[in-house]
Each structure stands twice: as structure tokens, then as C-alpha cells.
């Protein structure tokens, strides 16, 4: 519960009044607490930055791996389709030549 403010001077800022009422030891403790809190936040920030960098590297590696797999699949699929097409073309050519030979022999 807030203490009633003594009416020393109505223009005095309440924070300034509190500052005038606390001891030097209390001020030092508040400063030390604030310093430790700031230091903890800096450490947390650095940890989060490091974690973010590691996640980015992991993501980049995974994307690279998936891209390589995708390229390999496309290459294999393309090679397979070309091979099938060549085999079909060869078979059709052989059938055509056979038919032409039969027609010529008649």
C-alpha cells in the first residue's frame, strides 16, 4: 500500500522523493540488482543470437541437402525417361525396317 506523500513541496517528483528517502546502501543494492538484470539480459540475448545462427546453419544445410536430392531425382527421372524413349524409338525403328523388308520381298 503506498505511503501518503508528505507535502514538502507539491512540485517535487514522487520518484525523486523516493530517491531522497532511500539510503545509499539501498541505492547501491538497486544499482547492483539493475546491473545484474541487465547482464542477464545481455547473456540471454547472446544465447538467443547463437541459437538463431545455429538454426539458420541447420536450415541452410537441410535446404542444400533437399535441393541436391531434388536435382538427383530430376536427373534420374530424366535419364530414365530418355532411356525409355530411346528403347521405344529403337523398337519402332526395327519394326518399321522389318515391315519395309517384308514389303520389298513380296
C-alpha atoms as a PDB file:
ATOM      1  CA  UNK A   1       0.000   0.000   0.000  1.00  0.00           C
ATOM      2  CA  UNK A   2       1.537   3.355  -0.983  1.00  0.00           C
ATOM      3  CA  UNK A   3       2.559   5.697   1.774  1.00  0.00           C
ATOM      4  CA  UNK A   4       0.926   9.107   1.840  1.00  0.00           C
ATOM      5  CA  UNK A   5       3.217  11.657   0.342  1.00  0.00           C
ATOM      6  CA  UNK A   6       4.442  14.278   2.744  1.00  0.00           C
ATOM      7  CA  UNK A   7       3.586  17.711   1.451  1.00  0.00           C
ATOM      8  CA  UNK A   8       7.110  19.097   1.500  1.00  0.00           C
ATOM      9  CA  UNK A   9       6.704  20.727  -1.858  1.00  0.00           C
ATOM     10  CA  UNK A  10       3.895  19.794  -4.274  1.00  0.00           C
ATOM     11  CA  UNK A  11       6.184  20.213  -7.309  1.00  0.00           C
ATOM     12  CA  UNK A  12       8.654  17.502  -6.156  1.00  0.00           C
ATOM     13  CA  UNK A  13       8.526  14.391  -8.362  1.00  0.00           C
ATOM     14  CA  UNK A  14       7.406  11.300  -6.372  1.00  0.00           C
ATOM     15  CA  UNK A  15      10.305   9.264  -7.798  1.00  0.00           C
ATOM     16  CA  UNK A  16      12.705  11.952  -6.641  1.00  0.00           C
ATOM     17  CA  UNK A  17      11.111  11.839  -3.186  1.00  0.00           C
ATOM     18  CA  UNK A  18      11.677   8.079  -3.024  1.00  0.00           C
ATOM     19  CA  UNK A  19      15.249   8.662  -4.118  1.00  0.00           C
ATOM     20  CA  UNK A  20      15.707  11.147  -1.305  1.00  0.00           C
ATOM     21  CA  UNK A  21      14.235   8.736   1.278  1.00  0.00           C
ATOM     22  CA  UNK A  22      16.301   5.619   0.461  1.00  0.00           C
ATOM     23  CA  UNK A  23      19.727   5.092   1.898  1.00  0.00           C
ATOM     24  CA  UNK A  24      22.972   4.978  -0.049  1.00  0.00           C
ATOM     25  CA  UNK A  25      23.228   1.256   0.690  1.00  0.00           C
ATOM     26  CA  UNK A  26      19.755   0.711  -0.758  1.00  0.00           C
ATOM     27  CA  UNK A  27      20.694   2.778  -3.815  1.00  0.00           C
ATOM     28  CA  UNK A  28      23.834   0.683  -4.295  1.00  0.00           C
ATOM     29  CA  UNK A  29      21.795  -2.506  -3.968  1.00  0.00           C
ATOM     30  CA  UNK A  30      19.248  -1.262  -6.509  1.00  0.00           C
ATOM     31  CA  UNK A  31      22.073  -0.369  -8.887  1.00  0.00           C
ATOM     32  CA  UNK A  32      23.694  -3.788  -8.376  1.00  0.00           C
ATOM     33  CA  UNK A  33      20.345  -5.526  -8.961  1.00  0.00           C
ATOM     34  CA  UNK A  34      19.780  -3.481 -12.108  1.00  0.00           C
ATOM     35  CA  UNK A  35      23.299  -4.220 -13.328  1.00  0.00           C
ATOM     36  CA  UNK A  36      22.851  -7.971 -12.751  1.00  0.00           C
ATOM     37  CA  UNK A  37      19.467  -7.914 -14.506  1.00  0.00           C
ATOM     38  CA  UNK A  38      20.985  -6.083 -17.488  1.00  0.00           C
ATOM     39  CA  UNK A  39      23.906  -8.527 -17.593  1.00  0.00           C
ATOM     40  CA  UNK A  40      21.470 -11.488 -17.518  1.00  0.00           C
ATOM     41  CA  UNK A  41      19.521  -9.943 -20.414  1.00  0.00           C
ATOM     42  CA  UNK A  42      22.721  -9.475 -22.428  1.00  0.00           C
ATOM     43  CA  UNK A  43      23.699 -13.103 -21.820  1.00  0.00           C
ATOM     44  CA  UNK A  44      20.191 -14.237 -22.835  1.00  0.00           C
ATOM     45  CA  UNK A  45      20.350 -12.085 -25.975  1.00  0.00           C
ATOM     46  CA  UNK A  46      23.741 -13.544 -26.928  1.00  0.00           C
ATOM     47  CA  UNK A  47      22.465 -17.086 -26.318  1.00  0.00           C
ATOM     48  CA  UNK A  48      19.413 -16.433 -28.498  1.00  0.00           C
ATOM     49  CA  UNK A  49      21.620 -14.990 -31.251  1.00  0.00           C
ATOM     50  CA  UNK A  50      23.873 -18.058 -31.106  1.00  0.00           C
ATOM     51  CA  UNK A  51      20.846 -20.390 -31.182  1.00  0.00           C
ATOM     52  CA  UNK A  52      19.385 -18.463 -34.116  1.00  0.00           C
ATOM     53  CA  UNK A  53      22.684 -18.694 -36.024  1.00  0.00           C
ATOM     54  CA  UNK A  54      22.850 -22.462 -35.388  1.00  0.00           C
ATOM     55  CA  UNK A  55      19.247 -22.886 -36.532  1.00  0.00           C
ATOM     56  CA  UNK A  56      19.974 -20.854 -39.676  1.00  0.00           C
ATOM     57  CA  UNK A  57      23.023 -23.017 -40.443  1.00  0.00           C
ATOM     58  CA  UNK A  58      20.998 -26.201 -39.869  1.00  0.00           C
ATOM     59  CA  UNK A  59      18.229 -24.879 -42.104  1.00  0.00           C
ATOM     60  CA  UNK A  60      20.715 -23.900 -44.834  1.00  0.00           C
ATOM     61  CA  UNK A  61      22.296 -27.381 -44.680  1.00  0.00           C
ATOM     62  CA  UNK A  62      18.897 -29.065 -44.866  1.00  0.00           C
ATOM     63  CA  UNK A  63      17.781 -26.881 -47.785  1.00  0.00           C
ATOM     64  CA  UNK A  64      21.028 -27.648 -49.605  1.00  0.00           C
ATOM     65  CA  UNK A  65      20.570 -31.378 -48.989  1.00  0.00           C
ATOM     66  CA  UNK A  66      16.957 -31.321 -50.192  1.00  0.00           C
ATOM     67  CA  UNK A  67      17.935 -29.311 -53.270  1.00  0.00           C
ATOM     68  CA  UNK A  68      20.644 -31.878 -54.099  1.00  0.00           C
ATOM     69  CA  UNK A  69      18.148 -34.741 -53.615  1.00  0.00           C
ATOM     70  CA  UNK A  70      15.659 -32.938 -55.833  1.00  0.00           C
ATOM     71  CA  UNK A  71      18.280 -32.436 -58.552  1.00  0.00           C
ATOM     72  CA  UNK A  72      19.310 -36.105 -58.312  1.00  0.00           C
ATOM     73  CA  UNK A  73      15.690 -37.242 -58.606  1.00  0.00           C
ATOM     74  CA  UNK A  74      15.124 -34.976 -61.611  1.00  0.00           C
ATOM     75  CA  UNK A  75      18.325 -36.208 -63.253  1.00  0.00           C
ATOM     76  CA  UNK A  76      17.472 -39.869 -62.618  1.00  0.00           C
ATOM     77  CA  UNK A  77      13.899 -39.392 -63.803  1.00  0.00           C
ATOM     78  CA  UNK A  78      15.021 -37.534 -66.924  1.00  0.00           C
ATOM     79  CA  UNK A  79      17.645 -40.189 -67.713  1.00  0.00           C
ATOM     80  CA  UNK A  80      15.078 -42.937 -67.193  1.00  0.00           C
ATOM     81  CA  UNK A  81      12.520 -41.232 -69.428  1.00  0.00           C
ATOM     82  CA  UNK A  82      15.102 -40.623 -72.166  1.00  0.00           C
ATOM     83  CA  UNK A  83      16.228 -44.253 -71.966  1.00  0.00           C
ATOM     84  CA  UNK A  84      12.641 -45.478 -72.236  1.00  0.00           C
ATOM     85  CA  UNK A  85      12.013 -43.169 -75.155  1.00  0.00           C
ATOM     86  CA  UNK A  86      15.186 -44.351 -76.934  1.00  0.00           C
ATOM     87  CA  UNK A  87      14.243 -48.002 -76.377  1.00  0.00           C
ATOM     88  CA  UNK A  88      10.755 -47.386 -77.761  1.00  0.00           C
ATOM     89  CA  UNK A  89      12.176 -45.495 -80.738  1.00  0.00           C
ATOM     90  CA  UNK A  90      14.667 -48.322 -81.430  1.00  0.00           C
ATOM     91  CA  UNK A  91      11.882 -50.918 -81.241  1.00  0.00           C
ATOM     92  CA  UNK A  92       9.632 -48.890 -83.540  1.00  0.00           C
ATOM     93  CA  UNK A  93      12.535 -48.395 -85.993  1.00  0.00           C
ATOM     94  CA  UNK A  94      13.241 -52.130 -86.019  1.00  0.00           C
ATOM     95  CA  UNK A  95       9.533 -52.888 -86.596  1.00  0.00           C
ATOM     96  CA  UNK A  96       9.407 -50.295 -89.390  1.00  0.00           C
ATOM     97  CA  UNK A  97      12.543 -51.707 -91.065  1.00  0.00           C
ATOM     98  CA  UNK A  98      11.148 -55.235 -90.726  1.00  0.00           C
ATOM     99  CA  UNK A  99       7.869 -54.176 -92.310  1.00  0.00           C
ATOM    100  CA  UNK A 100       9.704 -52.409 -95.168  1.00  0.00           C
ATOM    101  CA  UNK A 101      11.832 -55.550 -95.760  1.00  0.00           C
ATOM    102  CA  UNK A 102       8.704 -57.730 -95.844  1.00  0.00           C
ATOM    103  CA  UNK A 103       7.009 -55.407 -98.291  1.00  0.00           C
ATOM    104  CA  UNK A 104      10.068 -55.368-100.560  1.00  0.00           C
ATOM    105  CA  UNK A 105      10.324 -59.148-100.575  1.00  0.00           C
ATOM    106  CA  UNK A 106       6.767 -59.528-101.816  1.00  0.00           C
END
